[in-house]
PDB file of N, CA and C in Angstrom:
ATOM      1  N   MET A   1     256.446 106.635 228.477  1.00  0.00           N
ATOM      2  CA  MET A   1     256.103 107.310 227.181  1.00  0.00           C
ATOM      3  C   MET A   1     255.755 106.394 226.068  1.00  0.00           C
ATOM      4  N   ARG A   2     254.801 106.811 225.315  1.00  0.00           N
ATOM      5  CA  ARG A   2     254.557 105.955 224.076  1.00  0.00           C
ATOM      6  C   ARG A   2     254.662 106.670 222.975  1.00  0.00           C
ATOM      7  N   VAL A   3     255.114 106.314 221.795  1.00  0.00           N
ATOM      8  CA  VAL A   3     255.069 107.261 220.721  1.00  0.00           C
ATOM      9  C   VAL A   3     254.109 106.345 219.431  1.00  0.00           C
ATOM     10  N   TYR A   4     253.368 107.351 218.970  1.00  0.00           N
ATOM     11  CA  TYR A   4     252.265 106.820 217.940  1.00  0.00           C
ATOM     12  C   TYR A   4     252.618 107.441 216.567  1.00  0.00           C
ATOM     13  N   SER A   5     252.011 106.878 215.687  1.00  0.00           N
ATOM     14  CA  SER A   5     251.991 107.470 214.175  1.00  0.00           C
ATOM     15  C   SER A   5     250.559 107.812 213.760  1.00  0.00           C
ATOM     16  N   PHE A   6     250.519 109.074 213.099  1.00  0.00           N
ATOM     17  CA  PHE A   6     249.338 109.383 212.374  1.00  0.00           C
ATOM     18  C   PHE A   6     249.680 109.536 210.888  1.00  0.00           C
ATOM     19  N   ALA A   7     250.861 109.050 210.652  1.00  0.00           N
ATOM     20  CA  ALA A   7     251.472 109.319 209.161  1.00  0.00           C
ATOM     21  C   ALA A   7     250.195 108.721 208.093  1.00  0.00           C
ATOM     22  N   LYS A   8     250.435 109.225 206.807  1.00  0.00           N
ATOM     23  CA  LYS A   8     249.487 108.508 205.824  1.00  0.00           C
ATOM     24  C   LYS A   8     249.547 107.035 205.873  1.00  0.00           C
ATOM     25  N   GLU A   9     250.727 106.386 206.059  1.00  0.00           N
ATOM     26  CA  GLU A   9     250.864 104.919 205.927  1.00  0.00           C
ATOM     27  C   GLU A   9     250.228 104.216 207.150  1.00  0.00           C
ATOM     28  N   ALA A  10     250.033 104.971 208.167  1.00  0.00           N
ATOM     29  CA  ALA A  10     249.260 104.292 209.307  1.00  0.00           C
ATOM     30  C   ALA A  10     247.718 104.457 209.041  1.00  0.00           C
ATOM     31  N   GLY A  11     247.331 105.164 208.173  1.00  0.00           N
ATOM     32  CA  GLY A  11     245.822 105.261 207.852  1.00  0.00           C
ATOM     33  C   GLY A  11     245.332 104.395 206.813  1.00  0.00           C
ATOM     34  N   LYS A  12     244.171 104.610 206.506  1.00  0.00           N
ATOM     35  CA  LYS A  12     243.563 103.507 205.518  1.00  0.00           C
ATOM     36  C   LYS A  12     242.799 104.512 204.325  1.00  0.00           C
ATOM     37  N   SER A  13     242.886 103.875 203.139  1.00  0.00           N
ATOM     38  CA  SER A  13     242.400 104.641 201.886  1.00  0.00           C
ATOM     39  C   SER A  13     240.957 104.753 201.925  1.00  0.00           C
ATOM     40  N   ILE A  14     240.203 105.709 201.612  1.00  0.00           N
ATOM     41  CA  ILE A  14     238.845 105.891 201.734  1.00  0.00           C
ATOM     42  C   ILE A  14     238.508 106.356 200.320  1.00  0.00           C
ATOM     43  N   ASP A  15     237.413 105.760 199.884  1.00  0.00           N
ATOM     44  CA  ASP A  15     236.942 106.140 198.510  1.00  0.00           C
ATOM     45  C   ASP A  15     235.363 106.457 198.556  1.00  0.00           C
ATOM     46  N   ALA A  16     234.790 106.504 199.772  1.00  0.00           N
ATOM     47  CA  ALA A  16     233.327 106.648 199.888  1.00  0.00           C
ATOM     48  C   ALA A  16     233.014 108.215 199.349  1.00  0.00           C
ATOM     49  N   PHE A  17     231.816 108.255 198.732  1.00  0.00           N
ATOM     50  CA  PHE A  17     231.359 109.611 198.234  1.00  0.00           C
ATOM     51  C   PHE A  17     232.242 110.075 196.947  1.00  0.00           C
ATOM     52  N   GLY A  18     232.848 109.104 196.338  1.00  0.00           N
ATOM     53  CA  GLY A  18     233.561 109.535 195.285  1.00  0.00           C
ATOM     54  C   GLY A  18     234.924 110.114 195.487  1.00  0.00           C
ATOM     55  N   SER A  19     235.385 109.854 197.014  1.00  0.00           N
ATOM     56  CA  SER A  19     236.615 110.581 197.150  1.00  0.00           C
ATOM     57  C   SER A  19     237.781 109.933 196.441  1.00  0.00           C
ATOM     58  N   GLN A  20     238.854 110.646 196.304  1.00  0.00           N
ATOM     59  CA  GLN A  20     240.035 110.229 195.499  1.00  0.00           C
ATOM     60  C   GLN A  20     241.281 110.660 196.223  1.00  0.00           C
ATOM     61  N   GLN A  21     242.380 109.748 196.234  1.00  0.00           N
ATOM     62  CA  GLN A  21     243.442 110.022 197.038  1.00  0.00           C
ATOM     63  C   GLN A  21     243.539 110.547 198.492  1.00  0.00           C
ATOM     64  N   LEU A  22     242.450 109.886 199.023  1.00  0.00           N
ATOM     65  CA  LEU A  22     242.193 110.130 200.337  1.00  0.00           C
ATOM     66  C   LEU A  22     242.676 109.003 201.430  1.00  0.00           C
ATOM     67  N   TYR A  23     243.355 109.325 202.534  1.00  0.00           N
ATOM     68  CA  TYR A  23     243.841 108.422 203.430  1.00  0.00           C
ATOM     69  C   TYR A  23     243.492 109.038 204.803  1.00  0.00           C
ATOM     70  N   MET A  24     242.962 108.430 205.741  1.00  0.00           N
ATOM     71  CA  MET A  24     242.643 108.729 206.949  1.00  0.00           C
ATOM     72  C   MET A  24     243.231 108.043 208.219  1.00  0.00           C
ATOM     73  N   SER A  25     244.024 108.741 208.898  1.00  0.00           N
ATOM     74  CA  SER A  25     244.680 108.093 210.051  1.00  0.00           C
ATOM     75  C   SER A  25     243.937 108.441 211.390  1.00  0.00           C
ATOM     76  N   ARG A  26     243.263 107.546 212.010  1.00  0.00           N
ATOM     77  CA  ARG A  26     242.459 107.967 213.287  1.00  0.00           C
ATOM     78  C   ARG A  26     243.499 108.129 214.374  1.00  0.00           C
ATOM     79  N   ILE A  27     243.227 109.326 214.976  1.00  0.00           N
ATOM     80  CA  ILE A  27     243.971 109.735 216.230  1.00  0.00           C
ATOM     81  C   ILE A  27     243.218 109.397 217.629  1.00  0.00           C
ATOM     82  N   LEU A  28     242.093 109.782 217.561  1.00  0.00           N
ATOM     83  CA  LEU A  28     241.262 109.517 219.005  1.00  0.00           C
ATOM     84  C   LEU A  28     239.873 108.897 218.517  1.00  0.00           C
ATOM     85  N   THR A  29     239.366 107.822 219.021  1.00  0.00           N
ATOM     86  CA  THR A  29     238.159 107.213 218.893  1.00  0.00           C
ATOM     87  C   THR A  29     237.370 107.170 220.063  1.00  0.00           C
ATOM     88  N   GLU A  30     236.269 107.642 220.219  1.00  0.00           N
ATOM     89  CA  GLU A  30     235.513 107.345 221.519  1.00  0.00           C
ATOM     90  C   GLU A  30     234.169 106.940 221.058  1.00  0.00           C
ATOM     91  N   VAL A  31     233.376 106.131 221.865  1.00  0.00           N
ATOM     92  CA  VAL A  31     232.184 105.666 221.506  1.00  0.00           C
ATOM     93  C   VAL A  31     231.285 107.050 221.455  1.00  0.00           C
ATOM     94  N   VAL A  32     231.502 107.878 222.318  1.00  0.00           N
ATOM     95  CA  VAL A  32     230.780 109.288 222.385  1.00  0.00           C
ATOM     96  C   VAL A  32     231.646 110.207 221.836  1.00  0.00           C
ATOM     97  N   SER A  33     231.438 111.097 221.238  1.00  0.00           N
ATOM     98  CA  SER A  33     232.341 112.278 220.638  1.00  0.00           C
ATOM     99  C   SER A  33     233.249 112.729 221.796  1.00  0.00           C
ATOM    100  N   PRO A  34     234.204 113.360 221.422  1.00  0.00           N
ATOM    101  CA  PRO A  34     234.882 113.706 219.930  1.00  0.00           C
ATOM    102  C   PRO A  34     235.575 112.481 219.322  1.00  0.00           C
ATOM    103  N   GLN A  35     235.792 112.529 218.113  1.00  0.00           N
ATOM    104  CA  GLN A  35     236.621 111.569 217.397  1.00  0.00           C
ATOM    105  C   GLN A  35     237.504 112.649 216.623  1.00  0.00           C
ATOM    106  N   VAL A  36     238.865 112.067 216.599  1.00  0.00           N
ATOM    107  CA  VAL A  36     240.005 112.944 215.910  1.00  0.00           C
ATOM    108  C   VAL A  36     240.718 111.962 214.952  1.00  0.00           C
ATOM    109  N   GLY A  37     241.104 112.619 213.752  1.00  0.00           N
ATOM    110  CA  GLY A  37     241.729 111.939 212.843  1.00  0.00           C
ATOM    111  C   GLY A  37     242.748 112.798 212.009  1.00  0.00           C
ATOM    112  N   CYS A  38     243.503 112.246 211.264  1.00  0.00           N
ATOM    113  CA  CYS A  38     244.449 113.188 210.452  1.00  0.00           C
ATOM    114  C   CYS A  38     244.018 112.686 208.971  1.00  0.00           C
ATOM    115  N   MET A  39     243.696 113.647 208.056  1.00  0.00           N
ATOM    116  CA  MET A  39     243.337 113.375 206.676  1.00  0.00           C
ATOM    117  C   MET A  39     244.535 113.704 205.819  1.00  0.00           C
ATOM    118  N   HIS A  40     244.904 112.794 205.003  1.00  0.00           N
ATOM    119  CA  HIS A  40     245.874 113.134 204.071  1.00  0.00           C
ATOM    120  C   HIS A  40     245.269 113.035 202.562  1.00  0.00           C
ATOM    121  N   LEU A  41     245.257 114.151 201.901  1.00  0.00           N
ATOM    122  CA  LEU A  41     244.637 114.137 200.652  1.00  0.00           C
ATOM    123  C   LEU A  41     246.022 114.350 199.703  1.00  0.00           C
ATOM    124  N   ALA A  42     246.313 113.392 198.731  1.00  0.00           N
ATOM    125  CA  ALA A  42     247.261 113.427 197.877  1.00  0.00           C
ATOM    126  C   ALA A  42     247.115 114.393 196.680  1.00  0.00           C
ATOM    127  N   VAL A  43     248.003 114.535 195.867  1.00  0.00           N
ATOM    128  CA  VAL A  43     247.927 115.266 194.715  1.00  0.00           C
ATOM    129  C   VAL A  43     246.574 115.026 193.973  1.00  0.00           C
ATOM    130  N   ASN A  44     245.853 116.032 193.573  1.00  0.00           N
ATOM    131  CA  ASN A  44     244.496 115.933 192.939  1.00  0.00           C
ATOM    132  C   ASN A  44     243.561 115.073 193.907  1.00  0.00           C
ATOM    133  N   GLY A  45     243.659 115.285 195.103  1.00  0.00           N
ATOM    134  CA  GLY A  45     242.811 114.411 196.062  1.00  0.00           C
ATOM    135  C   GLY A  45     241.422 115.225 196.091  1.00  0.00           C
ATOM    136  N   LEU A  46     240.473 114.499 196.674  1.00  0.00           N
ATOM    137  CA  LEU A  46     238.946 115.103 196.634  1.00  0.00           C
ATOM    138  C   LEU A  46     238.450 114.071 197.986  1.00  0.00           C
ATOM    139  N   VAL A  47     237.746 114.927 198.623  1.00  0.00           N
ATOM    140  CA  VAL A  47     236.868 114.290 199.620  1.00  0.00           C
ATOM    141  C   VAL A  47     235.481 114.584 199.069  1.00  0.00           C
ATOM    142  N   GLY A  48     234.886 113.498 198.550  1.00  0.00           N
ATOM    143  CA  GLY A  48     233.584 113.938 197.844  1.00  0.00           C
ATOM    144  C   GLY A  48     232.421 114.504 198.691  1.00  0.00           C
ATOM    145  N   TRP A  49     231.426 115.052 197.900  1.00  0.00           N
ATOM    146  CA  TRP A  49     230.353 115.669 198.335  1.00  0.00           C
ATOM    147  C   TRP A  49     229.484 114.831 199.275  1.00  0.00           C
ATOM    148  N   HIS A  50     229.259 115.224 200.539  1.00  0.00           N
ATOM    149  CA  HIS A  50     228.704 114.399 201.529  1.00  0.00           C
ATOM    150  C   HIS A  50     228.149 115.269 202.640  1.00  0.00           C
ATOM    151  N   GLN A  51     227.317 114.678 203.477  1.00  0.00           N
ATOM    152  CA  GLN A  51     226.823 115.316 204.667  1.00  0.00           C
ATOM    153  C   GLN A  51     227.697 115.078 205.951  1.00  0.00           C
ATOM    154  N   THR A  52     227.880 115.928 206.862  1.00  0.00           N
ATOM    155  CA  THR A  52     228.476 115.675 208.071  1.00  0.00           C
ATOM    156  C   THR A  52     227.428 114.925 209.130  1.00  0.00           C
ATOM    157  N   PRO A  53     227.882 113.864 209.607  1.00  0.00           N
ATOM    158  CA  PRO A  53     227.022 113.122 210.557  1.00  0.00           C
ATOM    159  C   PRO A  53     226.789 113.918 211.933  1.00  0.00           C
ATOM    160  N   ILE A  54     228.025 114.601 212.380  1.00  0.00           N
ATOM    161  CA  ILE A  54     227.949 115.378 213.481  1.00  0.00           C
ATOM    162  C   ILE A  54     228.835 116.678 213.260  1.00  0.00           C
ATOM    163  N   PRO A  55     228.823 117.669 214.018  1.00  0.00           N
ATOM    164  CA  PRO A  55     229.735 118.834 213.537  1.00  0.00           C
ATOM    165  C   PRO A  55     231.136 118.436 213.545  1.00  0.00           C
ATOM    166  N   GLN A  56     231.605 119.063 212.533  1.00  0.00           N
ATOM    167  CA  GLN A  56     233.155 118.711 212.002  1.00  0.00           C
ATOM    168  C   GLN A  56     234.117 119.913 212.093  1.00  0.00           C
ATOM    169  N   LEU A  57     235.309 119.888 212.496  1.00  0.00           N
ATOM    170  CA  LEU A  57     236.314 120.896 212.507  1.00  0.00           C
ATOM    171  C   LEU A  57     237.542 120.467 211.676  1.00  0.00           C
ATOM    172  N   PHE A  58     237.797 121.351 210.590  1.00  0.00           N
ATOM    173  CA  PHE A  58     238.935 120.708 209.692  1.00  0.00           C
ATOM    174  C   PHE A  58     239.949 121.583 209.871  1.00  0.00           C
ATOM    175  N   LEU A  59     241.084 121.287 210.475  1.00  0.00           N
ATOM    176  CA  LEU A  59     242.286 122.103 210.707  1.00  0.00           C
ATOM    177  C   LEU A  59     243.437 121.831 209.565  1.00  0.00           C
ATOM    178  N   VAL A  60     243.641 122.687 208.666  1.00  0.00           N
ATOM    179  CA  VAL A  60     244.638 122.462 207.603  1.00  0.00           C
ATOM    180  C   VAL A  60     246.075 122.608 208.347  1.00  0.00           C
ATOM    181  N   VAL A  61     246.843 121.545 208.227  1.00  0.00           N
ATOM    182  CA  VAL A  61     248.245 121.752 208.888  1.00  0.00           C
ATOM    183  C   VAL A  61     249.337 121.791 207.798  1.00  0.00           C
ATOM    184  N   SER A  62     249.015 121.395 206.627  1.00  0.00           N
ATOM    185  CA  SER A  62     250.032 121.459 205.572  1.00  0.00           C
ATOM    186  C   SER A  62     249.241 121.596 204.227  1.00  0.00           C
ATOM    187  N   GLY A  63     249.996 122.119 203.236  1.00  0.00           N
ATOM    188  CA  GLY A  63     249.192 122.209 201.729  1.00  0.00           C
ATOM    189  C   GLY A  63     248.198 123.295 201.677  1.00  0.00           C
ATOM    190  N   GLU A  64     247.504 123.021 200.545  1.00  0.00           N
ATOM    191  CA  GLU A  64     246.454 123.827 200.248  1.00  0.00           C
ATOM    192  C   GLU A  64     245.362 123.281 199.348  1.00  0.00           C
ATOM    193  N   GLY A  65     244.240 123.948 199.502  1.00  0.00           N
ATOM    194  CA  GLY A  65     243.083 123.273 198.598  1.00  0.00           C
ATOM    195  C   GLY A  65     241.899 124.160 198.581  1.00  0.00           C
ATOM    196  N   TRP A  66     240.609 123.690 198.359  1.00  0.00           N
ATOM    197  CA  TRP A  66     239.355 124.422 198.426  1.00  0.00           C
ATOM    198  C   TRP A  66     238.332 123.638 199.324  1.00  0.00           C
ATOM    199  N   VAL A  67     237.631 124.353 199.799  1.00  0.00           N
ATOM    200  CA  VAL A  67     236.327 123.707 200.486  1.00  0.00           C
ATOM    201  C   VAL A  67     235.094 124.529 199.907  1.00  0.00           C
ATOM    202  N   ARG A  68     234.084 123.649 199.933  1.00  0.00           N
ATOM    203  CA  ARG A  68     232.738 124.254 199.894  1.00  0.00           C
ATOM    204  C   ARG A  68     231.687 123.639 200.637  1.00  0.00           C
ATOM    205  N   ALA A  69     230.661 124.463 200.753  1.00  0.00           N
ATOM    206  CA  ALA A  69     229.523 123.803 201.552  1.00  0.00           C
ATOM    207  C   ALA A  69     228.079 124.311 200.926  1.00  0.00           C
ATOM    208  N   GLY A  70     227.094 123.398 200.931  1.00  0.00           N
ATOM    209  CA  GLY A  70     225.889 123.955 200.327  1.00  0.00           C
ATOM    210  C   GLY A  70     225.997 124.710 198.872  1.00  0.00           C
ATOM    211  N   GLU A  71     225.365 125.678 198.893  1.00  0.00           N
ATOM    212  CA  GLU A  71     225.347 126.431 197.609  1.00  0.00           C
ATOM    213  C   GLU A  71     226.467 127.607 197.458  1.00  0.00           C
ATOM    214  N   GLU A  72     227.350 127.650 198.627  1.00  0.00           N
ATOM    215  CA  GLU A  72     228.468 128.672 198.552  1.00  0.00           C
ATOM    216  C   GLU A  72     229.485 128.203 197.511  1.00  0.00           C
ATOM    217  N   ALA A  73     230.333 129.356 197.177  1.00  0.00           N
ATOM    218  CA  ALA A  73     231.266 129.312 196.191  1.00  0.00           C
ATOM    219  C   ALA A  73     232.588 128.539 196.987  1.00  0.00           C
ATOM    220  N   GLU A  74     233.461 128.006 196.349  1.00  0.00           N
ATOM    221  CA  GLU A  74     234.653 127.537 196.909  1.00  0.00           C
ATOM    222  C   GLU A  74     235.345 128.418 197.609  1.00  0.00           C
ATOM    223  N   ILE A  75     236.114 128.265 198.596  1.00  0.00           N
ATOM    224  CA  ILE A  75     237.072 129.060 199.433  1.00  0.00           C
ATOM    225  C   ILE A  75     238.293 128.321 199.542  1.00  0.00           C
ATOM    226  N   SER A  76     239.295 129.063 199.216  1.00  0.00           N
ATOM    227  CA  SER A  76     240.731 128.501 199.232  1.00  0.00           C
ATOM    228  C   SER A  76     241.088 128.370 200.714  1.00  0.00           C
ATOM    229  N   VAL A  77     241.766 127.251 200.919  1.00  0.00           N
ATOM    230  CA  VAL A  77     242.464 126.992 202.512  1.00  0.00           C
ATOM    231  C   VAL A  77     243.972 126.767 202.324  1.00  0.00           C
ATOM    232  N   SER A  78     244.575 126.900 203.341  1.00  0.00           N
ATOM    233  CA  SER A  78     245.961 126.507 203.382  1.00  0.00           C
ATOM    234  C   SER A  78     246.269 126.239 204.867  1.00  0.00           C
ATOM    235  N   ALA A  79     247.504 126.009 205.156  1.00  0.00           N
ATOM    236  CA  ALA A  79     248.103 125.672 206.419  1.00  0.00           C
ATOM    237  C   ALA A  79     247.615 126.755 207.262  1.00  0.00           C
ATOM    238  N   GLY A  80     247.022 126.547 208.502  1.00  0.00           N
ATOM    239  CA  GLY A  80     246.492 127.577 209.411  1.00  0.00           C
ATOM    240  C   GLY A  80     244.989 127.880 209.308  1.00  0.00           C
ATOM    241  N   SER A  81     244.407 127.310 208.207  1.00  0.00           N
ATOM    242  CA  SER A  81     242.913 127.606 208.063  1.00  0.00           C
ATOM    243  C   SER A  81     242.118 126.521 208.890  1.00  0.00           C
ATOM    244  N   ALA A  82     240.961 126.908 209.436  1.00  0.00           N
ATOM    245  CA  ALA A  82     240.113 125.935 210.122  1.00  0.00           C
ATOM    246  C   ALA A  82     238.645 126.270 209.553  1.00  0.00           C
ATOM    247  N   VAL A  83     238.228 125.053 209.210  1.00  0.00           N
ATOM    248  CA  VAL A  83     236.900 125.036 208.547  1.00  0.00           C
ATOM    249  C   VAL A  83     236.034 124.276 209.445  1.00  0.00           C
ATOM    250  N   TYR A  84     234.613 124.882 209.731  1.00  0.00           N
ATOM    251  CA  TYR A  84     233.711 124.235 210.543  1.00  0.00           C
ATOM    252  C   TYR A  84     232.514 124.014 209.725  1.00  0.00           C
ATOM    253  N   TRP A  85     232.007 122.759 209.730  1.00  0.00           N
ATOM    254  CA  TRP A  85     230.679 122.270 209.312  1.00  0.00           C
ATOM    255  C   TRP A  85     229.898 121.919 210.253  1.00  0.00           C
ATOM    256  N   ASP A  86     228.686 122.367 210.307  1.00  0.00           N
ATOM    257  CA  ASP A  86     227.638 122.034 211.206  1.00  0.00           C
ATOM    258  C   ASP A  86     227.059 120.559 210.885  1.00  0.00           C
ATOM    259  N   LYS A  87     226.341 119.857 211.691  1.00  0.00           N
ATOM    260  CA  LYS A  87     225.697 118.689 211.545  1.00  0.00           C
ATOM    261  C   LYS A  87     224.785 118.758 210.281  1.00  0.00           C
ATOM    262  N   GLY A  88     224.886 117.755 209.490  1.00  0.00           N
ATOM    263  CA  GLY A  88     224.034 117.644 208.362  1.00  0.00           C
ATOM    264  C   GLY A  88     224.395 118.571 207.191  1.00  0.00           C
ATOM    265  N   GLU A  89     225.354 119.332 207.301  1.00  0.00           N
ATOM    266  CA  GLU A  89     226.018 120.201 206.303  1.00  0.00           C
ATOM    267  C   GLU A  89     226.498 119.571 204.980  1.00  0.00           C
ATOM    268  N   TRP A  90     226.103 119.716 203.848  1.00  0.00           N
ATOM    269  CA  TRP A  90     226.784 119.141 202.746  1.00  0.00           C
ATOM    270  C   TRP A  90     227.871 119.849 202.502  1.00  0.00           C
ATOM    271  N   HIS A  91     229.094 119.136 202.148  1.00  0.00           N
ATOM    272  CA  HIS A  91     230.424 119.774 201.848  1.00  0.00           C
ATOM    273  C   HIS A  91     231.229 119.013 201.215  1.00  0.00           C
ATOM    274  N   GLU A  92     232.289 119.506 200.698  1.00  0.00           N
ATOM    275  CA  GLU A  92     233.388 119.017 199.739  1.00  0.00           C
ATOM    276  C   GLU A  92     234.764 119.674 200.172  1.00  0.00           C
ATOM    277  N   THR A  93     235.908 118.761 199.855  1.00  0.00           N
ATOM    278  CA  THR A  93     237.122 119.351 199.813  1.00  0.00           C
ATOM    279  C   THR A  93     237.962 118.697 198.788  1.00  0.00           C
ATOM    280  N   ARG A  94     238.675 119.633 198.174  1.00  0.00           N
ATOM    281  CA  ARG A  94     239.588 119.094 197.031  1.00  0.00           C
ATOM    282  C   ARG A  94     241.009 119.874 197.041  1.00  0.00           C
ATOM    283  N   THR A  95     241.909 119.334 196.434  1.00  0.00           N
ATOM    284  CA  THR A  95     243.296 119.748 196.369  1.00  0.00           C
ATOM    285  C   THR A  95     244.162 119.497 195.050  1.00  0.00           C
ATOM    286  N   GLU A  96     244.792 120.238 194.492  1.00  0.00           N
ATOM    287  CA  GLU A  96     245.669 119.968 193.397  1.00  0.00           C
ATOM    288  C   GLU A  96     246.961 119.489 193.818  1.00  0.00           C
ATOM    289  N   THR A  97     247.528 120.309 194.921  1.00  0.00           N
ATOM    290  CA  THR A  97     248.836 119.975 195.290  1.00  0.00           C
ATOM    291  C   THR A  97     249.157 119.024 196.575  1.00  0.00           C
ATOM    292  N   GLY A  98     247.935 118.712 197.154  1.00  0.00           N
ATOM    293  CA  GLY A  98     248.056 117.869 198.416  1.00  0.00           C
ATOM    294  C   GLY A  98     247.751 118.712 199.601  1.00  0.00           C
ATOM    295  N   LEU A  99     247.251 117.931 200.744  1.00  0.00           N
ATOM    296  CA  LEU A  99     246.776 118.918 201.894  1.00  0.00           C
ATOM    297  C   LEU A  99     246.620 117.712 202.953  1.00  0.00           C
ATOM    298  N   THR A 100     247.038 118.152 204.202  1.00  0.00           N
ATOM    299  CA  THR A 100     246.817 117.362 205.338  1.00  0.00           C
ATOM    300  C   THR A 100     245.981 118.047 206.306  1.00  0.00           C
ATOM    301  N   ALA A 101     245.147 117.636 207.085  1.00  0.00           N
ATOM    302  CA  ALA A 101     244.336 118.289 208.010  1.00  0.00           C
ATOM    303  C   ALA A 101     244.109 117.280 209.147  1.00  0.00           C
ATOM    304  N   ILE A 102     243.976 118.096 210.290  1.00  0.00           N
ATOM    305  CA  ILE A 102     243.116 117.337 211.587  1.00  0.00           C
ATOM    306  C   ILE A 102     241.903 117.582 211.548  1.00  0.00           C
ATOM    307  N   VAL A 103     241.014 116.432 211.606  1.00  0.00           N
ATOM    308  CA  VAL A 103     239.478 116.473 211.587  1.00  0.00           C
ATOM    309  C   VAL A 103     239.094 116.121 212.921  1.00  0.00           C
ATOM    310  N   ILE A 104     238.214 117.058 213.513  1.00  0.00           N
ATOM    311  CA  ILE A 104     237.726 116.770 214.772  1.00  0.00           C
ATOM    312  C   ILE A 104     236.149 116.605 214.632  1.00  0.00           C
ATOM    313  N   GLU A 105     235.518 115.737 215.160  1.00  0.00           N
ATOM    314  CA  GLU A 105     234.049 115.571 215.062  1.00  0.00           C
ATOM    315  C   GLU A 105     233.574 115.473 216.457  1.00  0.00           C
ATOM    316  N   ALA A 106     232.606 116.452 216.773  1.00  0.00           N
ATOM    317  CA  ALA A 106     232.053 116.305 218.114  1.00  0.00           C
ATOM    318  C   ALA A 106     230.738 116.933 218.159  1.00  0.00           C
ATOM    319  N   GLU A 107     229.737 116.396 218.987  1.00  0.00           N
ATOM    320  CA  GLU A 107     228.535 117.018 219.065  1.00  0.00           C
ATOM    321  C   GLU A 107     228.533 118.387 219.544  1.00  0.00           C
ATOM    322  N   ASN A 108     229.210 118.790 220.548  1.00  0.00           N
ATOM    323  CA  ASN A 108     229.261 120.174 221.207  1.00  0.00           C
ATOM    324  C   ASN A 108     230.907 120.699 220.938  1.00  0.00           C
ATOM    325  N   MET A 109     230.835 121.703 220.405  1.00  0.00           N
ATOM    326  CA  MET A 109     232.107 122.318 219.993  1.00  0.00           C
ATOM    327  C   MET A 109     232.025 124.057 220.413  1.00  0.00           C
ATOM    328  N   SER A 110     232.838 124.403 221.120  1.00  0.00           N
ATOM    329  CA  SER A 110     232.870 125.926 221.536  1.00  0.00           C
ATOM    330  C   SER A 110     234.118 126.342 220.885  1.00  0.00           C
ATOM    331  N   LEU A 111     233.869 127.116 219.553  1.00  0.00           N
ATOM    332  CA  LEU A 111     235.041 127.568 219.028  1.00  0.00           C
ATOM    333  C   LEU A 111     235.670 128.791 219.267  1.00  0.00           C
ATOM    334  N   ALA A 112     236.943 128.832 219.682  1.00  0.00           N
ATOM    335  CA  ALA A 112     237.615 130.083 220.061  1.00  0.00           C
ATOM    336  C   ALA A 112     238.326 130.873 219.090  1.00  0.00           C
ATOM    337  N   MET A 113     238.395 130.383 217.922  1.00  0.00           N
ATOM    338  CA  MET A 113     239.084 131.180 216.937  1.00  0.00           C
ATOM    339  C   MET A 113     238.384 132.153 216.166  1.00  0.00           C
ATOM    340  N   PRO A 114     239.148 133.170 215.637  1.00  0.00           N
ATOM    341  CA  PRO A 114     238.392 134.388 215.025  1.00  0.00           C
ATOM    342  C   PRO A 114     237.910 133.857 213.790  1.00  0.00           C
ATOM    343  N   MET A 115     236.866 134.354 213.080  1.00  0.00           N
ATOM    344  CA  MET A 115     236.432 133.990 211.825  1.00  0.00           C
ATOM    345  C   MET A 115     237.263 134.907 210.890  1.00  0.00           C
ATOM    346  N   VAL A 116     237.498 134.332 209.711  1.00  0.00           N
ATOM    347  CA  VAL A 116     238.169 134.837 208.471  1.00  0.00           C
ATOM    348  C   VAL A 116     237.426 136.015 207.968  1.00  0.00           C
ATOM    349  N   GLN A 117     237.945 137.269 207.849  1.00  0.00           N
ATOM    350  CA  GLN A 117     237.302 138.596 207.431  1.00  0.00           C
ATOM    351  C   GLN A 117     236.547 138.260 206.133  1.00  0.00           C
ATOM    352  N   GLU A 118     237.076 137.649 205.185  1.00  0.00           N
ATOM    353  CA  GLU A 118     236.579 137.472 203.939  1.00  0.00           C
ATOM    354  C   GLU A 118     235.138 136.706 204.144  1.00  0.00           C
ATOM    355  N   ILE A 119     235.025 135.791 205.001  1.00  0.00           N
ATOM    356  CA  ILE A 119     233.719 135.134 205.158  1.00  0.00           C
ATOM    357  C   ILE A 119     232.744 136.034 205.734  1.00  0.00           C
ATOM    358  N   LEU A 120     233.214 136.805 206.547  1.00  0.00           N
ATOM    359  CA  LEU A 120     232.210 137.851 207.208  1.00  0.00           C
ATOM    360  C   LEU A 120     231.635 138.891 206.186  1.00  0.00           C
ATOM    361  N   GLU A 121     232.525 139.284 205.354  1.00  0.00           N
ATOM    362  CA  GLU A 121     232.339 140.157 204.296  1.00  0.00           C
ATOM    363  C   GLU A 121     231.239 139.480 203.315  1.00  0.00           C
ATOM    364  N   ARG A 122     231.427 138.422 202.927  1.00  0.00           N
ATOM    365  CA  ARG A 122     230.564 137.685 202.206  1.00  0.00           C
ATOM    366  C   ARG A 122     229.285 137.520 202.556  1.00  0.00           C
ATOM    367  N   ARG A 123     229.120 137.244 203.861  1.00  0.00           N
ATOM    368  CA  ARG A 123     227.789 136.991 204.541  1.00  0.00           C
ATOM    369  C   ARG A 123     227.040 138.406 204.678  1.00  0.00           C
ATOM    370  N   GLU A 124     227.809 139.389 204.799  1.00  0.00           N
ATOM    371  CA  GLU A 124     227.193 140.734 204.953  1.00  0.00           C
ATOM    372  C   GLU A 124     226.714 141.143 203.769  1.00  0.00           C
ATOM    373  N   ASN A 125     227.479 140.796 202.534  1.00  0.00           N
ATOM    374  CA  ASN A 125     227.060 141.143 201.276  1.00  0.00           C
ATOM    375  C   ASN A 125     226.088 140.298 200.559  1.00  0.00           C
ATOM    376  N   ASN A 126     225.704 139.119 201.152  1.00  0.00           N
ATOM    377  CA  ASN A 126     224.828 138.006 200.623  1.00  0.00           C
ATOM    378  C   ASN A 126     225.491 137.545 199.373  1.00  0.00           C
ATOM    379  N   VAL A 127     226.818 137.329 199.457  1.00  0.00           N
ATOM    380  CA  VAL A 127     227.540 136.807 198.206  1.00  0.00           C
ATOM    381  C   VAL A 127     227.482 135.267 198.245  1.00  0.00           C
TER     382      VAL A 127
END
């Protein structure tokens, strides 16, 4: 058995794209996808506006905040929320109280989770 840490202290500070209070702990890194990391956003943290290089799944495990993509309005997220951004999609994440998320980046993902009803309704109503 081996025990590893993906705690904030095991990661590195990231300030790319104007990000603030962001620490990333890599969990799994492959030459070819997937890559898995743990993102720690501190109080008033921000992952600045940027494009995803490959599809990305953002799994909130604690805390709460907001995400947005493209021209869409911000959507609140909290523990148990999963956000998917497609390759090349512009997006941003922010929090006032802190947020921790597992981030999975992979070329091919088959999502098996149900989509949140609020999002489906917005798309149906073109909001």
